[in-house]
Amino acid sequence: MQQTNVLELKLISDKGMEGFYTFHLPKDQEMYTSLPENYKEVKEGQYRIGIYYKGEPVGFFLLHSTDRVKEYSSNPRSMLLTAFLITENQQGKGYAKQAMLLLKNFINEEFPHYNEVVLAVNHKNYAAQNLYIKAGFYDTGSRKIGPLGEQYILQLKL
């Protein structure tokens, strides 16, 4: 578990997912991510991470150590971050940035074998791009074509 004064990142068990099923997003964000309700079950190598403020769930993302990571990085010690979101009624409070700033220490504690995180962000999702860059990610120059067009591959060294 990694936390700031009141924000923390924690692995989510199957039972712990219940508080995340009520999450919603504004219409203009729905196309860029996936809600926690889609991750009631995860595969081996997929880890549900909760973002909590004063013990209440406010955000969510997945970390992957599956073969899917190879689509984004040749580093065998890389994890893939997907499905990052802050639920609609908790946006604008700085939780996304705080969570991303906690990411390095969280992974170093929970997954010490890994030394890199990669993610794909849509070329039109400027808010997410800015968030990730401010949190220390950098553009690798690699690109993927996703369902909504070009995606930039970003990387964070741990």
N, C-alpha and C. Protein backbone atom coordinates (compact mmCIF):
# COMPACT_ATOMS: atom_id res chain seq x y z
N MET A 1 0.85 -1.18 0.00
CA MET A 1 0.00 0.00 0.00
C MET A 1 0.88 1.23 0.00
N GLN A 2 0.54 2.19 -0.84
CA GLN A 2 1.29 3.44 -0.92
C GLN A 2 0.29 4.57 -0.70
N GLN A 3 0.66 5.58 0.13
CA GLN A 3 -0.29 6.65 0.38
C GLN A 3 0.38 8.00 0.58
N THR A 4 -0.41 9.05 0.32
CA THR A 4 -0.04 10.40 0.71
C THR A 4 -0.81 10.65 1.99
N ASN A 5 -1.02 11.89 2.37
CA ASN A 5 -1.74 12.18 3.60
C ASN A 5 -3.06 11.43 3.69
N VAL A 6 -3.81 11.41 2.61
CA VAL A 6 -5.13 10.79 2.65
C VAL A 6 -5.43 9.94 1.41
N LEU A 7 -4.58 9.96 0.42
CA LEU A 7 -4.79 9.18 -0.79
C LEU A 7 -3.89 7.96 -0.75
N GLU A 8 -4.43 6.80 -1.12
CA GLU A 8 -3.61 5.59 -1.12
C GLU A 8 -3.98 4.68 -2.29
N LEU A 9 -3.00 3.89 -2.70
CA LEU A 9 -3.17 2.88 -3.73
C LEU A 9 -3.14 1.53 -3.04
N LYS A 10 -4.08 0.65 -3.40
CA LYS A 10 -4.13 -0.68 -2.80
C LYS A 10 -4.57 -1.71 -3.84
N LEU A 11 -4.02 -2.90 -3.74
CA LEU A 11 -4.51 -4.02 -4.53
C LEU A 11 -5.94 -4.32 -4.09
N ILE A 12 -6.79 -4.66 -5.05
CA ILE A 12 -8.20 -4.92 -4.76
C ILE A 12 -8.49 -6.41 -4.88
N SER A 13 -9.06 -6.98 -3.84
CA SER A 13 -9.50 -8.37 -3.88
C SER A 13 -10.86 -8.45 -4.58
N ASP A 14 -11.33 -9.67 -4.84
CA ASP A 14 -12.64 -9.83 -5.45
C ASP A 14 -13.71 -9.16 -4.60
N LYS A 15 -13.66 -9.38 -3.29
CA LYS A 15 -14.65 -8.77 -2.38
C LYS A 15 -14.54 -7.26 -2.37
N GLY A 16 -13.35 -6.74 -2.48
CA GLY A 16 -13.13 -5.31 -2.43
C GLY A 16 -13.62 -4.55 -3.64
N MET A 17 -14.00 -5.26 -4.70
CA MET A 17 -14.45 -4.61 -5.94
C MET A 17 -15.84 -3.97 -5.81
N GLU A 18 -16.62 -4.38 -4.85
CA GLU A 18 -18.00 -3.91 -4.75
C GLU A 18 -18.11 -2.39 -4.73
N GLY A 19 -17.21 -1.70 -4.04
CA GLY A 19 -17.25 -0.25 -3.96
C GLY A 19 -16.92 0.47 -5.26
N PHE A 20 -16.46 -0.28 -6.25
CA PHE A 20 -16.06 0.31 -7.53
C PHE A 20 -17.13 0.17 -8.62
N TYR A 21 -18.16 -0.64 -8.36
CA TYR A 21 -19.17 -0.91 -9.39
C TYR A 21 -20.11 0.26 -9.64
N THR A 22 -20.09 1.27 -8.79
CA THR A 22 -20.95 2.44 -8.98
C THR A 22 -20.24 3.57 -9.70
N PHE A 23 -19.02 3.35 -10.14
CA PHE A 23 -18.25 4.40 -10.81
C PHE A 23 -18.90 4.80 -12.14
N HIS A 24 -18.82 6.10 -12.43
CA HIS A 24 -19.32 6.64 -13.69
C HIS A 24 -18.29 7.62 -14.25
N LEU A 25 -18.40 7.86 -15.55
CA LEU A 25 -17.53 8.83 -16.23
C LEU A 25 -18.38 9.77 -17.07
N PRO A 26 -17.89 10.99 -17.29
CA PRO A 26 -18.56 11.87 -18.26
C PRO A 26 -18.53 11.22 -19.64
N LYS A 27 -19.52 11.51 -20.44
CA LYS A 27 -19.63 10.91 -21.79
C LYS A 27 -18.35 11.08 -22.61
N ASP A 28 -17.71 12.25 -22.51
CA ASP A 28 -16.53 12.49 -23.33
C ASP A 28 -15.29 11.73 -22.86
N GLN A 29 -15.37 11.03 -21.72
CA GLN A 29 -14.25 10.23 -21.24
C GLN A 29 -14.48 8.72 -21.40
N GLU A 30 -15.73 8.32 -21.54
CA GLU A 30 -16.07 6.90 -21.60
C GLU A 30 -15.31 6.15 -22.69
N MET A 31 -15.06 6.81 -23.80
CA MET A 31 -14.44 6.14 -24.94
C MET A 31 -12.96 5.82 -24.69
N TYR A 32 -12.34 6.47 -23.72
CA TYR A 32 -10.90 6.33 -23.52
C TYR A 32 -10.50 5.27 -22.49
N THR A 33 -11.42 4.78 -21.71
CA THR A 33 -11.06 3.84 -20.66
C THR A 33 -12.18 2.84 -20.46
N SER A 34 -12.07 2.03 -19.43
CA SER A 34 -13.04 0.99 -19.16
C SER A 34 -13.39 1.02 -17.67
N LEU A 35 -14.65 0.92 -17.35
CA LEU A 35 -15.09 1.01 -15.96
C LEU A 35 -14.73 -0.25 -15.17
N PRO A 36 -14.57 -0.11 -13.86
CA PRO A 36 -14.20 -1.26 -13.01
C PRO A 36 -15.17 -2.44 -13.10
N GLU A 37 -16.44 -2.17 -13.38
CA GLU A 37 -17.42 -3.26 -13.48
C GLU A 37 -17.02 -4.28 -14.55
N ASN A 38 -16.16 -3.89 -15.47
CA ASN A 38 -15.68 -4.82 -16.50
C ASN A 38 -14.57 -5.73 -16.02
N TYR A 39 -14.16 -5.57 -14.76
CA TYR A 39 -13.04 -6.35 -14.23
C TYR A 39 -13.45 -7.11 -12.97
N LYS A 40 -14.67 -7.63 -12.98
CA LYS A 40 -15.11 -8.46 -11.87
C LYS A 40 -14.22 -9.68 -11.75
N GLU A 41 -13.75 -10.15 -12.88
CA GLU A 41 -12.80 -11.25 -12.93
C GLU A 41 -11.58 -10.78 -13.71
N VAL A 42 -10.42 -11.17 -13.25
CA VAL A 42 -9.18 -10.84 -13.95
C VAL A 42 -8.39 -12.11 -14.20
N LYS A 43 -7.52 -12.02 -15.19
CA LYS A 43 -6.66 -13.16 -15.55
C LYS A 43 -5.41 -13.14 -14.68
N GLU A 44 -4.72 -14.25 -14.67
CA GLU A 44 -3.45 -14.31 -13.97
C GLU A 44 -2.52 -13.26 -14.58
N GLY A 45 -1.86 -12.49 -13.73
CA GLY A 45 -0.97 -11.44 -14.22
C GLY A 45 -1.66 -10.09 -14.39
N GLN A 46 -2.96 -10.01 -14.07
CA GLN A 46 -3.67 -8.74 -14.07
C GLN A 46 -3.98 -8.39 -12.61
N TYR A 47 -3.72 -7.14 -12.25
CA TYR A 47 -3.88 -6.70 -10.87
C TYR A 47 -4.75 -5.46 -10.83
N ARG A 48 -5.86 -5.55 -10.10
CA ARG A 48 -6.76 -4.41 -9.93
C ARG A 48 -6.21 -3.53 -8.81
N ILE A 49 -6.09 -2.24 -9.10
CA ILE A 49 -5.55 -1.29 -8.13
C ILE A 49 -6.62 -0.25 -7.84
N GLY A 50 -6.89 -0.05 -6.57
CA GLY A 50 -7.84 0.96 -6.16
C GLY A 50 -7.13 2.22 -5.71
N ILE A 51 -7.74 3.34 -6.02
CA ILE A 51 -7.28 4.64 -5.53
C ILE A 51 -8.31 5.06 -4.49
N TYR A 52 -7.85 5.25 -3.26
CA TYR A 52 -8.75 5.55 -2.15
C TYR A 52 -8.42 6.90 -1.54
N TYR A 53 -9.45 7.65 -1.22
CA TYR A 53 -9.32 8.91 -0.50
C TYR A 53 -10.03 8.74 0.84
N LYS A 54 -9.27 8.87 1.92
CA LYS A 54 -9.81 8.66 3.28
C LYS A 54 -10.59 7.35 3.36
N GLY A 55 -10.05 6.31 2.73
CA GLY A 55 -10.64 4.98 2.78
C GLY A 55 -11.75 4.71 1.79
N GLU A 56 -12.20 5.73 1.06
CA GLU A 56 -13.29 5.56 0.09
C GLU A 56 -12.72 5.45 -1.33
N PRO A 57 -13.23 4.52 -2.14
CA PRO A 57 -12.74 4.39 -3.52
C PRO A 57 -13.09 5.60 -4.37
N VAL A 58 -12.06 6.16 -5.03
CA VAL A 58 -12.28 7.31 -5.93
C VAL A 58 -11.73 7.05 -7.33
N GLY A 59 -10.89 6.03 -7.47
CA GLY A 59 -10.28 5.75 -8.76
C GLY A 59 -9.85 4.31 -8.88
N PHE A 60 -9.40 3.95 -10.07
CA PHE A 60 -9.14 2.56 -10.39
C PHE A 60 -8.18 2.48 -11.56
N PHE A 61 -7.36 1.43 -11.60
CA PHE A 61 -6.60 1.07 -12.79
C PHE A 61 -6.17 -0.37 -12.70
N LEU A 62 -5.70 -0.90 -13.82
CA LEU A 62 -5.16 -2.26 -13.88
C LEU A 62 -3.68 -2.19 -14.17
N LEU A 63 -2.93 -3.09 -13.55
CA LEU A 63 -1.54 -3.33 -13.93
C LEU A 63 -1.48 -4.74 -14.50
N HIS A 64 -0.72 -4.89 -15.56
CA HIS A 64 -0.58 -6.18 -16.23
C HIS A 64 0.88 -6.62 -16.24
N SER A 65 1.07 -7.91 -15.97
CA SER A 65 2.38 -8.52 -16.20
C SER A 65 2.20 -9.71 -17.14
N THR A 66 1.21 -9.62 -18.00
CA THR A 66 0.87 -10.67 -18.95
C THR A 66 1.67 -10.49 -20.25
N ASP A 67 1.45 -11.39 -21.19
CA ASP A 67 2.11 -11.28 -22.49
C ASP A 67 1.69 -10.01 -23.24
N ARG A 68 0.58 -9.44 -22.87
CA ARG A 68 0.11 -8.21 -23.52
C ARG A 68 1.15 -7.08 -23.40
N VAL A 69 1.94 -7.09 -22.35
CA VAL A 69 2.96 -6.06 -22.14
C VAL A 69 3.93 -6.01 -23.32
N LYS A 70 4.18 -7.16 -23.94
CA LYS A 70 5.13 -7.23 -25.06
C LYS A 70 4.71 -6.39 -26.26
N GLU A 71 3.43 -6.05 -26.34
CA GLU A 71 2.94 -5.18 -27.42
C GLU A 71 3.42 -3.74 -27.25
N TYR A 72 3.88 -3.41 -26.04
CA TYR A 72 4.23 -2.03 -25.71
C TYR A 72 5.70 -1.84 -25.32
N SER A 73 6.36 -2.92 -24.91
CA SER A 73 7.74 -2.81 -24.46
C SER A 73 8.46 -4.14 -24.65
N SER A 74 9.73 -4.06 -24.99
CA SER A 74 10.54 -5.28 -25.09
C SER A 74 11.21 -5.61 -23.76
N ASN A 75 11.03 -4.78 -22.77
CA ASN A 75 11.63 -4.99 -21.45
C ASN A 75 10.85 -6.08 -20.71
N PRO A 76 11.48 -7.20 -20.36
CA PRO A 76 10.77 -8.27 -19.65
C PRO A 76 10.38 -7.89 -18.22
N ARG A 77 10.88 -6.76 -17.73
CA ARG A 77 10.56 -6.30 -16.38
C ARG A 77 9.63 -5.08 -16.42
N SER A 78 8.80 -5.02 -17.45
CA SER A 78 7.86 -3.92 -17.63
C SER A 78 6.45 -4.36 -17.27
N MET A 79 5.67 -3.44 -16.71
CA MET A 79 4.24 -3.66 -16.46
C MET A 79 3.47 -2.69 -17.35
N LEU A 80 2.26 -3.08 -17.71
CA LEU A 80 1.37 -2.26 -18.52
C LEU A 80 0.27 -1.71 -17.62
N LEU A 81 0.01 -0.41 -17.72
CA LEU A 81 -1.07 0.23 -16.98
C LEU A 81 -2.22 0.50 -17.94
N THR A 82 -3.43 0.06 -17.57
CA THR A 82 -4.61 0.30 -18.40
C THR A 82 -5.78 0.69 -17.49
N ALA A 83 -6.87 1.12 -18.12
CA ALA A 83 -8.16 1.37 -17.48
C ALA A 83 -8.07 2.40 -16.34
N PHE A 84 -7.17 3.36 -16.46
CA PHE A 84 -7.03 4.37 -15.40
C PHE A 84 -8.22 5.34 -15.43
N LEU A 85 -8.79 5.58 -14.25
CA LEU A 85 -9.89 6.55 -14.17
C LEU A 85 -10.10 7.02 -12.74
N ILE A 86 -10.66 8.21 -12.63
CA ILE A 86 -11.21 8.74 -11.40
C ILE A 86 -12.71 8.88 -11.65
N THR A 87 -13.52 8.35 -10.74
CA THR A 87 -14.97 8.41 -10.95
C THR A 87 -15.44 9.87 -11.06
N GLU A 88 -16.50 10.08 -11.83
CA GLU A 88 -16.91 11.42 -12.23
C GLU A 88 -17.08 12.39 -11.05
N ASN A 89 -17.73 11.98 -9.97
CA ASN A 89 -17.99 12.91 -8.88
C ASN A 89 -16.77 13.21 -8.01
N GLN A 90 -15.64 12.60 -8.33
CA GLN A 90 -14.41 12.86 -7.59
C GLN A 90 -13.33 13.52 -8.46
N GLN A 91 -13.68 13.86 -9.69
CA GLN A 91 -12.71 14.49 -10.60
C GLN A 91 -12.49 15.95 -10.22
N GLY A 92 -11.33 16.47 -10.62
CA GLY A 92 -11.01 17.87 -10.39
C GLY A 92 -10.46 18.16 -9.01
N LYS A 93 -10.11 17.12 -8.27
CA LYS A 93 -9.60 17.28 -6.90
C LYS A 93 -8.12 16.93 -6.78
N GLY A 94 -7.49 16.61 -7.92
CA GLY A 94 -6.07 16.29 -7.91
C GLY A 94 -5.75 14.83 -7.62
N TYR A 95 -6.77 13.98 -7.51
CA TYR A 95 -6.53 12.58 -7.16
C TYR A 95 -5.77 11.82 -8.24
N ALA A 96 -6.03 12.12 -9.51
CA ALA A 96 -5.35 11.42 -10.60
C ALA A 96 -3.85 11.69 -10.53
N LYS A 97 -3.47 12.93 -10.38
CA LYS A 97 -2.05 13.27 -10.32
C LYS A 97 -1.40 12.66 -9.07
N GLN A 98 -2.07 12.78 -7.93
CA GLN A 98 -1.52 12.19 -6.71
C GLN A 98 -1.31 10.69 -6.87
N ALA A 99 -2.29 10.02 -7.47
CA ALA A 99 -2.19 8.57 -7.67
C ALA A 99 -1.00 8.22 -8.56
N MET A 100 -0.84 8.97 -9.65
CA MET A 100 0.28 8.70 -10.54
C MET A 100 1.62 8.97 -9.86
N LEU A 101 1.67 9.95 -8.98
CA LEU A 101 2.91 10.24 -8.26
C LEU A 101 3.22 9.16 -7.22
N LEU A 102 2.21 8.43 -6.78
CA LEU A 102 2.41 7.32 -5.84
C LEU A 102 2.82 6.03 -6.56
N LEU A 103 2.64 5.98 -7.87
CA LEU A 103 2.80 4.75 -8.64
C LEU A 103 4.18 4.11 -8.49
N LYS A 104 5.23 4.89 -8.63
CA LYS A 104 6.59 4.33 -8.55
C LYS A 104 6.81 3.57 -7.24
N ASN A 105 6.54 4.22 -6.14
CA ASN A 105 6.76 3.58 -4.84
C ASN A 105 5.84 2.38 -4.64
N PHE A 106 4.60 2.50 -5.11
CA PHE A 106 3.66 1.39 -4.99
C PHE A 106 4.19 0.16 -5.71
N ILE A 107 4.62 0.32 -6.95
CA ILE A 107 5.12 -0.83 -7.71
C ILE A 107 6.42 -1.36 -7.08
N ASN A 108 7.29 -0.46 -6.65
CA ASN A 108 8.53 -0.92 -6.01
C ASN A 108 8.25 -1.76 -4.77
N GLU A 109 7.19 -1.43 -4.03
CA GLU A 109 6.83 -2.20 -2.84
C GLU A 109 6.07 -3.49 -3.17
N GLU A 110 5.08 -3.39 -4.04
CA GLU A 110 4.21 -4.53 -4.34
C GLU A 110 4.75 -5.47 -5.42
N PHE A 111 5.51 -4.93 -6.35
CA PHE A 111 6.03 -5.69 -7.49
C PHE A 111 7.50 -5.35 -7.70
N PRO A 112 8.37 -5.68 -6.75
CA PRO A 112 9.77 -5.22 -6.81
C PRO A 112 10.58 -5.74 -7.99
N HIS A 113 10.10 -6.77 -8.66
CA HIS A 113 10.83 -7.32 -9.81
C HIS A 113 10.79 -6.38 -11.02
N TYR A 114 9.81 -5.48 -11.06
CA TYR A 114 9.59 -4.65 -12.25
C TYR A 114 10.32 -3.31 -12.15
N ASN A 115 10.79 -2.81 -13.31
CA ASN A 115 11.54 -1.54 -13.32
C ASN A 115 11.00 -0.52 -14.33
N GLU A 116 9.80 -0.79 -14.85
CA GLU A 116 9.23 0.09 -15.87
C GLU A 116 7.73 -0.11 -15.94
N VAL A 117 7.01 0.99 -16.23
CA VAL A 117 5.58 0.93 -16.51
C VAL A 117 5.37 1.58 -17.86
N VAL A 118 4.54 0.96 -18.69
CA VAL A 118 4.18 1.52 -19.99
C VAL A 118 2.67 1.64 -20.07
N LEU A 119 2.22 2.52 -20.94
CA LEU A 119 0.79 2.68 -21.18
C LEU A 119 0.59 3.26 -22.57
N ALA A 120 -0.62 3.15 -23.06
CA ALA A 120 -1.00 3.76 -24.33
C ALA A 120 -2.07 4.81 -24.04
N VAL A 121 -1.90 5.98 -24.63
CA VAL A 121 -2.86 7.06 -24.45
C VAL A 121 -3.28 7.58 -25.82
N ASN A 122 -4.56 7.78 -26.00
CA ASN A 122 -5.07 8.24 -27.28
C ASN A 122 -4.54 9.62 -27.63
N HIS A 123 -4.24 9.83 -28.90
CA HIS A 123 -3.66 11.09 -29.35
C HIS A 123 -4.58 12.28 -29.12
N LYS A 124 -5.89 12.05 -28.94
CA LYS A 124 -6.83 13.14 -28.69
C LYS A 124 -7.14 13.34 -27.21
N ASN A 125 -6.62 12.48 -26.35
CA ASN A 125 -6.90 12.57 -24.92
C ASN A 125 -5.82 13.44 -24.25
N TYR A 126 -5.94 14.74 -24.47
CA TYR A 126 -4.91 15.69 -24.02
C TYR A 126 -4.80 15.75 -22.50
N ALA A 127 -5.93 15.64 -21.79
CA ALA A 127 -5.89 15.70 -20.33
C ALA A 127 -5.07 14.54 -19.77
N ALA A 128 -5.28 13.35 -20.30
CA ALA A 128 -4.53 12.18 -19.83
C ALA A 128 -3.05 12.30 -20.20
N GLN A 129 -2.76 12.75 -21.41
CA GLN A 129 -1.36 12.94 -21.82
C GLN A 129 -0.64 13.87 -20.84
N ASN A 130 -1.27 15.01 -20.53
CA ASN A 130 -0.66 15.97 -19.62
C ASN A 130 -0.46 15.38 -18.24
N LEU A 131 -1.43 14.64 -17.76
CA LEU A 131 -1.33 14.00 -16.45
C LEU A 131 -0.12 13.07 -16.40
N TYR A 132 -0.01 12.20 -17.38
CA TYR A 132 1.07 11.21 -17.38
C TYR A 132 2.44 11.88 -17.50
N ILE A 133 2.56 12.89 -18.33
CA ILE A 133 3.84 13.61 -18.48
C ILE A 133 4.22 14.28 -17.16
N LYS A 134 3.25 14.92 -16.51
CA LYS A 134 3.52 15.58 -15.22
C LYS A 134 3.94 14.57 -14.15
N ALA A 135 3.50 13.34 -14.29
CA ALA A 135 3.83 12.29 -13.31
C ALA A 135 5.14 11.59 -13.63
N GLY A 136 5.84 12.01 -14.70
CA GLY A 136 7.15 11.44 -14.99
C GLY A 136 7.22 10.48 -16.16
N PHE A 137 6.09 10.18 -16.78
CA PHE A 137 6.11 9.36 -17.99
C PHE A 137 6.71 10.17 -19.13
N TYR A 138 7.29 9.49 -20.10
CA TYR A 138 7.76 10.18 -21.30
C TYR A 138 7.32 9.41 -22.53
N ASP A 139 7.21 10.12 -23.63
CA ASP A 139 6.78 9.55 -24.90
C ASP A 139 7.94 8.76 -25.49
N THR A 140 7.72 7.48 -25.73
CA THR A 140 8.78 6.62 -26.29
C THR A 140 8.97 6.85 -27.79
N GLY A 141 8.01 7.51 -28.43
CA GLY A 141 8.05 7.68 -29.88
C GLY A 141 7.33 6.55 -30.61
N SER A 142 7.02 5.47 -29.90
CA SER A 142 6.27 4.36 -30.49
C SER A 142 4.80 4.71 -30.56
N ARG A 143 4.12 4.11 -31.52
CA ARG A 143 2.70 4.36 -31.73
C ARG A 143 1.99 3.04 -31.97
N LYS A 144 0.72 2.99 -31.56
CA LYS A 144 -0.16 1.87 -31.86
C LYS A 144 -1.44 2.45 -32.43
N ILE A 145 -2.12 1.68 -33.22
CA ILE A 145 -3.44 2.10 -33.70
C ILE A 145 -4.46 1.35 -32.86
N GLY A 146 -5.27 2.11 -32.15
CA GLY A 146 -6.31 1.54 -31.30
C GLY A 146 -7.67 1.75 -31.92
N PRO A 147 -8.72 1.41 -31.19
CA PRO A 147 -10.08 1.53 -31.73
C PRO A 147 -10.46 2.97 -32.09
N LEU A 148 -9.82 3.96 -31.44
CA LEU A 148 -10.13 5.37 -31.71
C LEU A 148 -8.98 6.08 -32.40
N GLY A 149 -8.11 5.34 -33.05
CA GLY A 149 -7.01 5.95 -33.78
C GLY A 149 -5.67 5.79 -33.08
N GLU A 150 -4.78 6.71 -33.40
CA GLU A 150 -3.40 6.62 -32.93
C GLU A 150 -3.29 6.74 -31.41
N GLN A 151 -2.42 5.90 -30.85
CA GLN A 151 -2.12 5.94 -29.42
C GLN A 151 -0.63 6.13 -29.23
N TYR A 152 -0.28 7.01 -28.31
CA TYR A 152 1.12 7.23 -27.95
C TYR A 152 1.50 6.24 -26.86
N ILE A 153 2.69 5.66 -26.97
CA ILE A 153 3.18 4.76 -25.96
C ILE A 153 4.09 5.56 -25.02
N LEU A 154 3.69 5.62 -23.76
CA LEU A 154 4.45 6.35 -22.75
C LEU A 154 5.09 5.36 -21.79
N GLN A 155 6.17 5.80 -21.17
CA GLN A 155 6.97 4.92 -20.31
C GLN A 155 7.39 5.67 -19.07
N LEU A 156 7.41 4.95 -17.95
CA LEU A 156 7.90 5.48 -16.68
C LEU A 156 8.95 4.52 -16.15
N LYS A 157 10.16 5.02 -15.96
CA LYS A 157 11.22 4.19 -15.36
C LYS A 157 11.04 4.20 -13.85
N LEU A 158 11.19 3.04 -13.24
CA LEU A 158 11.02 2.93 -11.80
C LEU A 158 12.35 2.96 -11.06
